[in-house]
């Protein structure tokens, strides 16, 4: 079995895949860069036991992280608790099965590369991938499967936090679809601005990207808040919540015979 780890800025997702690619379990932890391999190990082995997964059956591991400080702890977790030497997305020698055609390929986040690989395997291109994480990212995949670049925009939670911290009288508010656009109070106005402002950004940015690329594109959404926007945004063609994890599995399969 494969242990796949997607370490983002806000959450770390741990998933177990069987030999035939079935998800045996999936769990989330908050991202803390000072959390040790032992802390991860005790927590994860307890979850595996609770769900009836024998940790001795885990023979391989792969990591995608956008938090460099976490990498050593996650590598040690794989080695010490599962006796697995993990592949790391973005390391030299790791085959992605696609070309990264940008100015500096090393700068592209590992999660965005995983999304690109999974989307290329799952959908006919060209593709535009929207990932609703700490940042909202737009990634362009051409018809041959090459990664061509994209856009990074502050995520909705970052925008809310900045609004709260930067304005003394503006409170924290919950994210959700408001009943109306025109708010009649501070909180309803903030919720409308955050939600419908993000929707308008997505629709406008998607139109600009497709116009500039010069060919129709299938728009695929993933990430924590993708489901909320999928139901309220005309620009999104498909909602795919497990895109990043499937990308990790695909990259593992591409490289497992070359260890």
C-alpha atoms as a PDB file:
ATOM      1  CA  UNK A   1       0.000   0.000   0.000  1.00  0.00           C
ATOM      2  CA  UNK A   2       0.990   3.608  -0.562  1.00  0.00           C
ATOM      3  CA  UNK A   3       1.067   6.442   1.971  1.00  0.00           C
ATOM      4  CA  UNK A   4       0.435   9.700   0.102  1.00  0.00           C
ATOM      5  CA  UNK A   5       1.006  13.005   1.922  1.00  0.00           C
ATOM      6  CA  UNK A   6      -0.196  16.374   0.626  1.00  0.00           C
ATOM      7  CA  UNK A   7       1.231  19.074   2.890  1.00  0.00           C
ATOM      8  CA  UNK A   8      -0.337  22.476   2.238  1.00  0.00           C
ATOM      9  CA  UNK A   9      -0.049  25.803   4.007  1.00  0.00           C
ATOM     10  CA  UNK A  10      -3.187  25.198   6.080  1.00  0.00           C
ATOM     11  CA  UNK A  11      -3.737  21.417   6.222  1.00  0.00           C
ATOM     12  CA  UNK A  12      -1.822  18.187   5.693  1.00  0.00           C
ATOM     13  CA  UNK A  13      -3.763  15.346   4.079  1.00  0.00           C
ATOM     14  CA  UNK A  14      -2.643  11.750   4.657  1.00  0.00           C
ATOM     15  CA  UNK A  15      -4.140   9.064   2.404  1.00  0.00           C
ATOM     16  CA  UNK A  16      -3.622   5.327   2.088  1.00  0.00           C
ATOM     17  CA  UNK A  17      -3.985   3.719  -1.350  1.00  0.00           C
ATOM     18  CA  UNK A  18      -4.300  -0.013  -1.919  1.00  0.00           C
ATOM     19  CA  UNK A  19      -2.264  -1.710  -4.635  1.00  0.00           C
ATOM     20  CA  UNK A  20      -5.103  -1.222  -7.126  1.00  0.00           C
ATOM     21  CA  UNK A  21      -5.463   2.490  -6.361  1.00  0.00           C
ATOM     22  CA  UNK A  22      -8.436   2.349  -3.980  1.00  0.00           C
ATOM     23  CA  UNK A  23      -8.450   4.905  -1.148  1.00  0.00           C
ATOM     24  CA  UNK A  24      -8.323   2.925   2.109  1.00  0.00           C
ATOM     25  CA  UNK A  25      -8.382   5.973   4.365  1.00  0.00           C
ATOM     26  CA  UNK A  26      -7.905   9.734   4.337  1.00  0.00           C
ATOM     27  CA  UNK A  27      -7.193  12.055   7.275  1.00  0.00           C
ATOM     28  CA  UNK A  28      -6.335  15.722   7.821  1.00  0.00           C
ATOM     29  CA  UNK A  29      -4.078  17.516  10.269  1.00  0.00           C
ATOM     30  CA  UNK A  30      -3.435  21.212  10.713  1.00  0.00           C
ATOM     31  CA  UNK A  31      -0.106  22.351   9.274  1.00  0.00           C
ATOM     32  CA  UNK A  32       2.422  23.056  12.043  1.00  0.00           C
ATOM     33  CA  UNK A  33       6.025  23.300  10.874  1.00  0.00           C
ATOM     34  CA  UNK A  34       7.432  22.331  14.296  1.00  0.00           C
ATOM     35  CA  UNK A  35       5.402  19.125  14.596  1.00  0.00           C
ATOM     36  CA  UNK A  36       7.799  16.177  14.848  1.00  0.00           C
ATOM     37  CA  UNK A  37       7.834  12.814  13.082  1.00  0.00           C
ATOM     38  CA  UNK A  38       6.917  11.135  16.387  1.00  0.00           C
ATOM     39  CA  UNK A  39       3.860  13.353  16.847  1.00  0.00           C
ATOM     40  CA  UNK A  40       2.709  12.573  13.297  1.00  0.00           C
ATOM     41  CA  UNK A  41       3.558   8.900  13.757  1.00  0.00           C
ATOM     42  CA  UNK A  42       1.596   8.300  16.965  1.00  0.00           C
ATOM     43  CA  UNK A  43      -1.426  10.183  15.618  1.00  0.00           C
ATOM     44  CA  UNK A  44      -1.408   8.428  12.238  1.00  0.00           C
ATOM     45  CA  UNK A  45      -0.805   4.895  13.531  1.00  0.00           C
ATOM     46  CA  UNK A  46      -3.735   5.268  15.929  1.00  0.00           C
ATOM     47  CA  UNK A  47      -5.973   6.315  13.030  1.00  0.00           C
ATOM     48  CA  UNK A  48      -4.763   3.387  10.927  1.00  0.00           C
ATOM     49  CA  UNK A  49      -5.548   0.957  13.745  1.00  0.00           C
ATOM     50  CA  UNK A  50      -8.980   2.515  14.278  1.00  0.00           C
ATOM     51  CA  UNK A  51      -9.801   2.038  10.581  1.00  0.00           C
ATOM     52  CA  UNK A  52      -8.437  -1.498  10.405  1.00  0.00           C
ATOM     53  CA  UNK A  53      -5.395  -0.705   8.257  1.00  0.00           C
ATOM     54  CA  UNK A  54      -2.241  -2.686   9.107  1.00  0.00           C
ATOM     55  CA  UNK A  55       0.684  -0.270   8.979  1.00  0.00           C
ATOM     56  CA  UNK A  56       2.992  -3.153   8.047  1.00  0.00           C
ATOM     57  CA  UNK A  57       1.182  -3.340   4.701  1.00  0.00           C
ATOM     58  CA  UNK A  58       2.382   0.176   3.796  1.00  0.00           C
ATOM     59  CA  UNK A  59       5.497  -0.290   1.676  1.00  0.00           C
ATOM     60  CA  UNK A  60       5.758   2.982  -0.279  1.00  0.00           C
ATOM     61  CA  UNK A  61       5.344   6.701   0.379  1.00  0.00           C
ATOM     62  CA  UNK A  62       5.191   9.917  -1.610  1.00  0.00           C
ATOM     63  CA  UNK A  63       5.149  13.513  -0.387  1.00  0.00           C
ATOM     64  CA  UNK A  64       4.066  16.794  -1.941  1.00  0.00           C
ATOM     65  CA  UNK A  65       4.687  19.820   0.254  1.00  0.00           C
ATOM     66  CA  UNK A  66       4.654  23.580  -0.161  1.00  0.00           C
ATOM     67  CA  UNK A  67       6.035  24.024   3.381  1.00  0.00           C
ATOM     68  CA  UNK A  68       9.793  23.295   3.257  1.00  0.00           C
ATOM     69  CA  UNK A  69      10.135  23.193   7.062  1.00  0.00           C
ATOM     70  CA  UNK A  70       7.741  20.225   7.193  1.00  0.00           C
ATOM     71  CA  UNK A  71       9.612  18.047   4.740  1.00  0.00           C
ATOM     72  CA  UNK A  72      12.252  16.606   7.084  1.00  0.00           C
ATOM     73  CA  UNK A  73       9.596  15.613   9.648  1.00  0.00           C
ATOM     74  CA  UNK A  74       7.398  13.976   7.012  1.00  0.00           C
ATOM     75  CA  UNK A  75      10.369  12.096   5.525  1.00  0.00           C
ATOM     76  CA  UNK A  76      11.310  10.846   8.997  1.00  0.00           C
ATOM     77  CA  UNK A  77       7.702   9.790   9.598  1.00  0.00           C
ATOM     78  CA  UNK A  78       7.787   7.604   6.480  1.00  0.00           C
ATOM     79  CA  UNK A  79      11.164   6.092   7.301  1.00  0.00           C
ATOM     80  CA  UNK A  80      10.784   5.537  11.037  1.00  0.00           C
ATOM     81  CA  UNK A  81       7.146   4.421  11.229  1.00  0.00           C
ATOM     82  CA  UNK A  82       6.620   2.729   7.844  1.00  0.00           C
ATOM     83  CA  UNK A  83      10.148   1.759   6.778  1.00  0.00           C
ATOM     84  CA  UNK A  84       9.505   3.534   3.462  1.00  0.00           C
ATOM     85  CA  UNK A  85      11.865   5.883   1.641  1.00  0.00           C
ATOM     86  CA  UNK A  86       9.490   8.538   0.296  1.00  0.00           C
ATOM     87  CA  UNK A  87       9.529  10.059  -3.161  1.00  0.00           C
ATOM     88  CA  UNK A  88       9.208  13.849  -3.056  1.00  0.00           C
ATOM     89  CA  UNK A  89       7.370  15.663  -5.841  1.00  0.00           C
ATOM     90  CA  UNK A  90       9.671  18.242  -7.388  1.00  0.00           C
ATOM     91  CA  UNK A  91      12.919  16.448  -6.543  1.00  0.00           C
ATOM     92  CA  UNK A  92      15.350  15.903  -9.422  1.00  0.00           C
ATOM     93  CA  UNK A  93      14.761  12.551 -11.067  1.00  0.00           C
ATOM     94  CA  UNK A  94      11.047  12.384 -10.263  1.00  0.00           C
ATOM     95  CA  UNK A  95       9.161  11.828 -13.504  1.00  0.00           C
ATOM     96  CA  UNK A  96       5.903  13.786 -13.754  1.00  0.00           C
ATOM     97  CA  UNK A  97       4.915  12.482 -17.155  1.00  0.00           C
ATOM     98  CA  UNK A  98       4.503  16.040 -18.445  1.00  0.00           C
ATOM     99  CA  UNK A  99       6.635  19.047 -19.319  1.00  0.00           C
ATOM    100  CA  UNK A 100       6.715  22.121 -17.081  1.00  0.00           C
ATOM    101  CA  UNK A 101       7.041  24.983 -19.569  1.00  0.00           C
ATOM    102  CA  UNK A 102       7.572  27.994 -17.297  1.00  0.00           C
ATOM    103  CA  UNK A 103      10.510  30.320 -16.618  1.00  0.00           C
ATOM    104  CA  UNK A 104      11.623  28.464 -13.470  1.00  0.00           C
ATOM    105  CA  UNK A 105      10.051  24.997 -13.084  1.00  0.00           C
ATOM    106  CA  UNK A 106      11.465  24.654  -9.553  1.00  0.00           C
ATOM    107  CA  UNK A 107       9.189  27.472  -8.384  1.00  0.00           C
ATOM    108  CA  UNK A 108       5.956  25.646  -9.230  1.00  0.00           C
ATOM    109  CA  UNK A 109       4.272  24.333  -6.085  1.00  0.00           C
ATOM    110  CA  UNK A 110       4.212  20.557  -5.662  1.00  0.00           C
ATOM    111  CA  UNK A 111       0.442  20.584  -5.177  1.00  0.00           C
ATOM    112  CA  UNK A 112      -0.041  22.388  -8.490  1.00  0.00           C
ATOM    113  CA  UNK A 113       2.130  19.804 -10.255  1.00  0.00           C
ATOM    114  CA  UNK A 114       0.079  16.977  -8.712  1.00  0.00           C
ATOM    115  CA  UNK A 115      -3.130  18.639  -9.866  1.00  0.00           C
ATOM    116  CA  UNK A 116      -1.730  19.015 -13.372  1.00  0.00           C
ATOM    117  CA  UNK A 117      -0.732  15.347 -13.575  1.00  0.00           C
ATOM    118  CA  UNK A 118      -4.078  14.080 -12.280  1.00  0.00           C
ATOM    119  CA  UNK A 119      -6.112  16.398 -14.505  1.00  0.00           C
ATOM    120  CA  UNK A 120      -4.119  15.398 -17.583  1.00  0.00           C
ATOM    121  CA  UNK A 121      -4.844  11.732 -16.798  1.00  0.00           C
ATOM    122  CA  UNK A 122      -8.544  12.356 -16.141  1.00  0.00           C
ATOM    123  CA  UNK A 123      -9.741  14.938 -18.681  1.00  0.00           C
ATOM    124  CA  UNK A 124      -9.208  15.890 -22.295  1.00  0.00           C
ATOM    125  CA  UNK A 125      -7.244  19.146 -22.623  1.00  0.00           C
ATOM    126  CA  UNK A 126      -6.658  21.984 -22.771  1.00  0.00           C
ATOM    127  CA  UNK A 127      -7.477  22.431 -19.082  1.00  0.00           C
ATOM    128  CA  UNK A 128      -7.717  25.210 -16.518  1.00  0.00           C
ATOM    129  CA  UNK A 129      -7.412  23.970 -12.927  1.00  0.00           C
ATOM    130  CA  UNK A 130      -8.764  26.067 -10.053  1.00  0.00           C
ATOM    131  CA  UNK A 131      -7.500  25.111  -6.596  1.00  0.00           C
ATOM    132  CA  UNK A 132      -9.216  26.779  -3.641  1.00  0.00           C
ATOM    133  CA  UNK A 133      -6.581  26.583  -0.906  1.00  0.00           C
ATOM    134  CA  UNK A 134      -4.699  29.143   1.174  1.00  0.00           C
ATOM    135  CA  UNK A 135      -4.293  30.830  -2.197  1.00  0.00           C
ATOM    136  CA  UNK A 136      -6.719  30.459  -5.096  1.00  0.00           C
ATOM    137  CA  UNK A 137      -4.639  29.245  -8.026  1.00  0.00           C
ATOM    138  CA  UNK A 138      -5.361  28.926 -11.747  1.00  0.00           C
ATOM    139  CA  UNK A 139      -3.163  26.476 -13.680  1.00  0.00           C
ATOM    140  CA  UNK A 140      -3.089  26.030 -17.456  1.00  0.00           C
ATOM    141  CA  UNK A 141      -2.507  22.595 -19.042  1.00  0.00           C
ATOM    142  CA  UNK A 142      -2.306  22.510 -22.834  1.00  0.00           C
ATOM    143  CA  UNK A 143      -3.679  19.826 -25.135  1.00  0.00           C
ATOM    144  CA  UNK A 144      -0.429  17.819 -24.972  1.00  0.00           C
ATOM    145  CA  UNK A 145      -0.494  17.795 -21.164  1.00  0.00           C
ATOM    146  CA  UNK A 146       2.258  20.371 -20.616  1.00  0.00           C
ATOM    147  CA  UNK A 147       2.036  22.742 -17.658  1.00  0.00           C
ATOM    148  CA  UNK A 148       2.051  26.272 -19.112  1.00  0.00           C
ATOM    149  CA  UNK A 149       1.765  28.559 -16.089  1.00  0.00           C
ATOM    150  CA  UNK A 150      -1.064  30.247 -14.263  1.00  0.00           C
ATOM    151  CA  UNK A 151      -2.272  32.783 -11.726  1.00  0.00           C
ATOM    152  CA  UNK A 152      -2.001  33.017  -7.925  1.00  0.00           C
ATOM    153  CA  UNK A 153      -4.646  35.020  -6.062  1.00  0.00           C
ATOM    154  CA  UNK A 154      -5.131  35.481  -2.287  1.00  0.00           C
ATOM    155  CA  UNK A 155      -7.450  32.798  -0.948  1.00  0.00           C
ATOM    156  CA  UNK A 156     -10.813  33.640   0.551  1.00  0.00           C
ATOM    157  CA  UNK A 157      -9.694  32.937   4.133  1.00  0.00           C
ATOM    158  CA  UNK A 158      -6.615  35.139   3.662  1.00  0.00           C
ATOM    159  CA  UNK A 159      -8.828  37.910   2.335  1.00  0.00           C
ATOM    160  CA  UNK A 160     -11.160  37.639   5.315  1.00  0.00           C
ATOM    161  CA  UNK A 161      -8.285  37.681   7.789  1.00  0.00           C
ATOM    162  CA  UNK A 162      -6.690  40.700   6.118  1.00  0.00           C
ATOM    163  CA  UNK A 163      -9.998  42.568   6.218  1.00  0.00           C
ATOM    164  CA  UNK A 164     -10.466  41.797   9.897  1.00  0.00           C
ATOM    165  CA  UNK A 165      -6.893  42.715  10.877  1.00  0.00           C
ATOM    166  CA  UNK A 166      -6.717  45.832   8.751  1.00  0.00           C
ATOM    167  CA  UNK A 167      -9.987  47.435   9.816  1.00  0.00           C
ATOM    168  CA  UNK A 168     -10.623  47.973  13.527  1.00  0.00           C
ATOM    169  CA  UNK A 169     -14.416  47.735  13.348  1.00  0.00           C
ATOM    170  CA  UNK A 170     -14.751  44.784  10.956  1.00  0.00           C
ATOM    171  CA  UNK A 171     -15.290  41.412  12.681  1.00  0.00           C
ATOM    172  CA  UNK A 172     -14.448  37.904  11.517  1.00  0.00           C
ATOM    173  CA  UNK A 173     -17.313  36.435   9.515  1.00  0.00           C
ATOM    174  CA  UNK A 174     -18.229  32.956   8.317  1.00  0.00           C
ATOM    175  CA  UNK A 175     -17.804  32.040   4.663  1.00  0.00           C
ATOM    176  CA  UNK A 176     -21.009  31.202   2.851  1.00  0.00           C
ATOM    177  CA  UNK A 177     -23.370  32.220   0.104  1.00  0.00           C
ATOM    178  CA  UNK A 178     -25.362  35.320   1.160  1.00  0.00           C
ATOM    179  CA  UNK A 179     -29.072  35.443   0.392  1.00  0.00           C
ATOM    180  CA  UNK A 180     -28.662  38.830  -1.294  1.00  0.00           C
ATOM    181  CA  UNK A 181     -25.812  40.807  -2.846  1.00  0.00           C
ATOM    182  CA  UNK A 182     -26.614  44.153  -1.214  1.00  0.00           C
ATOM    183  CA  UNK A 183     -25.869  43.816   2.479  1.00  0.00           C
ATOM    184  CA  UNK A 184     -27.976  45.783   4.959  1.00  0.00           C
ATOM    185  CA  UNK A 185     -25.462  45.521   7.805  1.00  0.00           C
ATOM    186  CA  UNK A 186     -21.709  45.283   8.259  1.00  0.00           C
ATOM    187  CA  UNK A 187     -21.579  41.480   8.494  1.00  0.00           C
ATOM    188  CA  UNK A 188     -23.945  40.855   5.573  1.00  0.00           C
ATOM    189  CA  UNK A 189     -22.026  43.392   3.462  1.00  0.00           C
ATOM    190  CA  UNK A 190     -18.717  41.696   4.295  1.00  0.00           C
ATOM    191  CA  UNK A 191     -20.075  38.233   3.526  1.00  0.00           C
ATOM    192  CA  UNK A 192     -21.425  39.452   0.210  1.00  0.00           C
ATOM    193  CA  UNK A 193     -18.183  41.163  -0.731  1.00  0.00           C
ATOM    194  CA  UNK A 194     -16.043  38.165   0.152  1.00  0.00           C
ATOM    195  CA  UNK A 195     -18.276  35.574  -1.535  1.00  0.00           C
ATOM    196  CA  UNK A 196     -19.576  37.370  -4.624  1.00  0.00           C
ATOM    197  CA  UNK A 197     -16.305  39.249  -5.041  1.00  0.00           C
ATOM    198  CA  UNK A 198     -14.476  35.921  -5.220  1.00  0.00           C
ATOM    199  CA  UNK A 199     -17.062  34.525  -7.650  1.00  0.00           C
ATOM    200  CA  UNK A 200     -16.682  37.575  -9.888  1.00  0.00           C
ATOM    201  CA  UNK A 201     -12.897  37.270  -9.743  1.00  0.00           C
ATOM    202  CA  UNK A 202     -13.075  33.593 -10.738  1.00  0.00           C
ATOM    203  CA  UNK A 203     -15.431  34.226 -13.645  1.00  0.00           C
ATOM    204  CA  UNK A 204     -13.479  37.244 -14.857  1.00  0.00           C
ATOM    205  CA  UNK A 205     -10.056  35.640 -14.512  1.00  0.00           C
ATOM    206  CA  UNK A 206     -11.222  32.451 -16.212  1.00  0.00           C
ATOM    207  CA  UNK A 207     -12.538  34.447 -19.183  1.00  0.00           C
ATOM    208  CA  UNK A 208      -9.288  36.414 -19.468  1.00  0.00           C
ATOM    209  CA  UNK A 209      -7.122  33.273 -19.299  1.00  0.00           C
ATOM    210  CA  UNK A 210      -9.152  31.417 -21.929  1.00  0.00           C
ATOM    211  CA  UNK A 211      -9.208  34.474 -24.197  1.00  0.00           C
ATOM    212  CA  UNK A 212      -5.444  34.865 -23.895  1.00  0.00           C
ATOM    213  CA  UNK A 213      -4.766  31.159 -24.427  1.00  0.00           C
ATOM    214  CA  UNK A 214      -6.882  31.307 -27.558  1.00  0.00           C
ATOM    215  CA  UNK A 215      -8.742  28.001 -27.334  1.00  0.00           C
ATOM    216  CA  UNK A 216     -11.650  26.612 -25.284  1.00  0.00           C
ATOM    217  CA  UNK A 217     -10.636  24.993 -21.986  1.00  0.00           C
ATOM    218  CA  UNK A 218     -12.331  22.667 -19.523  1.00  0.00           C
ATOM    219  CA  UNK A 219     -12.332  24.283 -16.071  1.00  0.00           C
ATOM    220  CA  UNK A 220     -11.787  21.847 -13.181  1.00  0.00           C
ATOM    221  CA  UNK A 221     -12.132  22.960  -9.550  1.00  0.00           C
ATOM    222  CA  UNK A 222     -10.558  21.329  -6.495  1.00  0.00           C
ATOM    223  CA  UNK A 223      -9.538  22.292  -2.957  1.00  0.00           C
ATOM    224  CA  UNK A 224     -11.289  22.905   0.335  1.00  0.00           C
ATOM    225  CA  UNK A 225     -13.846  25.508  -0.766  1.00  0.00           C
ATOM    226  CA  UNK A 226     -14.308  24.295  -4.331  1.00  0.00           C
ATOM    227  CA  UNK A 227     -17.662  22.657  -3.594  1.00  0.00           C
ATOM    228  CA  UNK A 228     -19.146  25.939  -2.351  1.00  0.00           C
ATOM    229  CA  UNK A 229     -18.084  27.832  -5.465  1.00  0.00           C
ATOM    230  CA  UNK A 230     -18.893  24.992  -7.849  1.00  0.00           C
ATOM    231  CA  UNK A 231     -22.577  25.425  -7.087  1.00  0.00           C
ATOM    232  CA  UNK A 232     -22.507  29.193  -7.501  1.00  0.00           C
ATOM    233  CA  UNK A 233     -20.019  29.960 -10.267  1.00  0.00           C
ATOM    234  CA  UNK A 234     -20.790  29.692 -13.985  1.00  0.00           C
ATOM    235  CA  UNK A 235     -17.137  29.299 -14.949  1.00  0.00           C
ATOM    236  CA  UNK A 236     -16.583  25.831 -13.403  1.00  0.00           C
ATOM    237  CA  UNK A 237     -17.187  22.743 -15.565  1.00  0.00           C
ATOM    238  CA  UNK A 238     -16.168  19.985 -13.136  1.00  0.00           C
ATOM    239  CA  UNK A 239     -15.648  19.594  -9.388  1.00  0.00           C
ATOM    240  CA  UNK A 240     -12.912  17.095  -8.460  1.00  0.00           C
ATOM    241  CA  UNK A 241     -12.134  17.064  -4.707  1.00  0.00           C
ATOM    242  CA  UNK A 242      -9.464  14.328  -4.828  1.00  0.00           C
ATOM    243  CA  UNK A 243      -7.400  15.728  -7.692  1.00  0.00           C
ATOM    244  CA  UNK A 244      -4.191  16.314  -5.705  1.00  0.00           C
ATOM    245  CA  UNK A 245      -4.211  12.860  -4.102  1.00  0.00           C
ATOM    246  CA  UNK A 246      -4.821  11.176  -7.464  1.00  0.00           C
ATOM    247  CA  UNK A 247      -1.875  13.156  -8.810  1.00  0.00           C
ATOM    248  CA  UNK A 248       0.324  11.771  -6.034  1.00  0.00           C
ATOM    249  CA  UNK A 249      -0.815   8.235  -6.894  1.00  0.00           C
ATOM    250  CA  UNK A 250      -0.156   8.794 -10.606  1.00  0.00           C
ATOM    251  CA  UNK A 251       3.346  10.175  -9.952  1.00  0.00           C
ATOM    252  CA  UNK A 252       4.093   7.229  -7.664  1.00  0.00           C
ATOM    253  CA  UNK A 253       3.012   4.791 -10.371  1.00  0.00           C
ATOM    254  CA  UNK A 254       5.206   6.567 -12.930  1.00  0.00           C
ATOM    255  CA  UNK A 255       8.271   6.297 -10.699  1.00  0.00           C
ATOM    256  CA  UNK A 256       7.869   3.095  -8.667  1.00  0.00           C
ATOM    257  CA  UNK A 257       9.911   0.984 -11.070  1.00  0.00           C
ATOM    258  CA  UNK A 258      12.766   3.507 -11.105  1.00  0.00           C
ATOM    259  CA  UNK A 259      13.580   3.693  -7.381  1.00  0.00           C
END
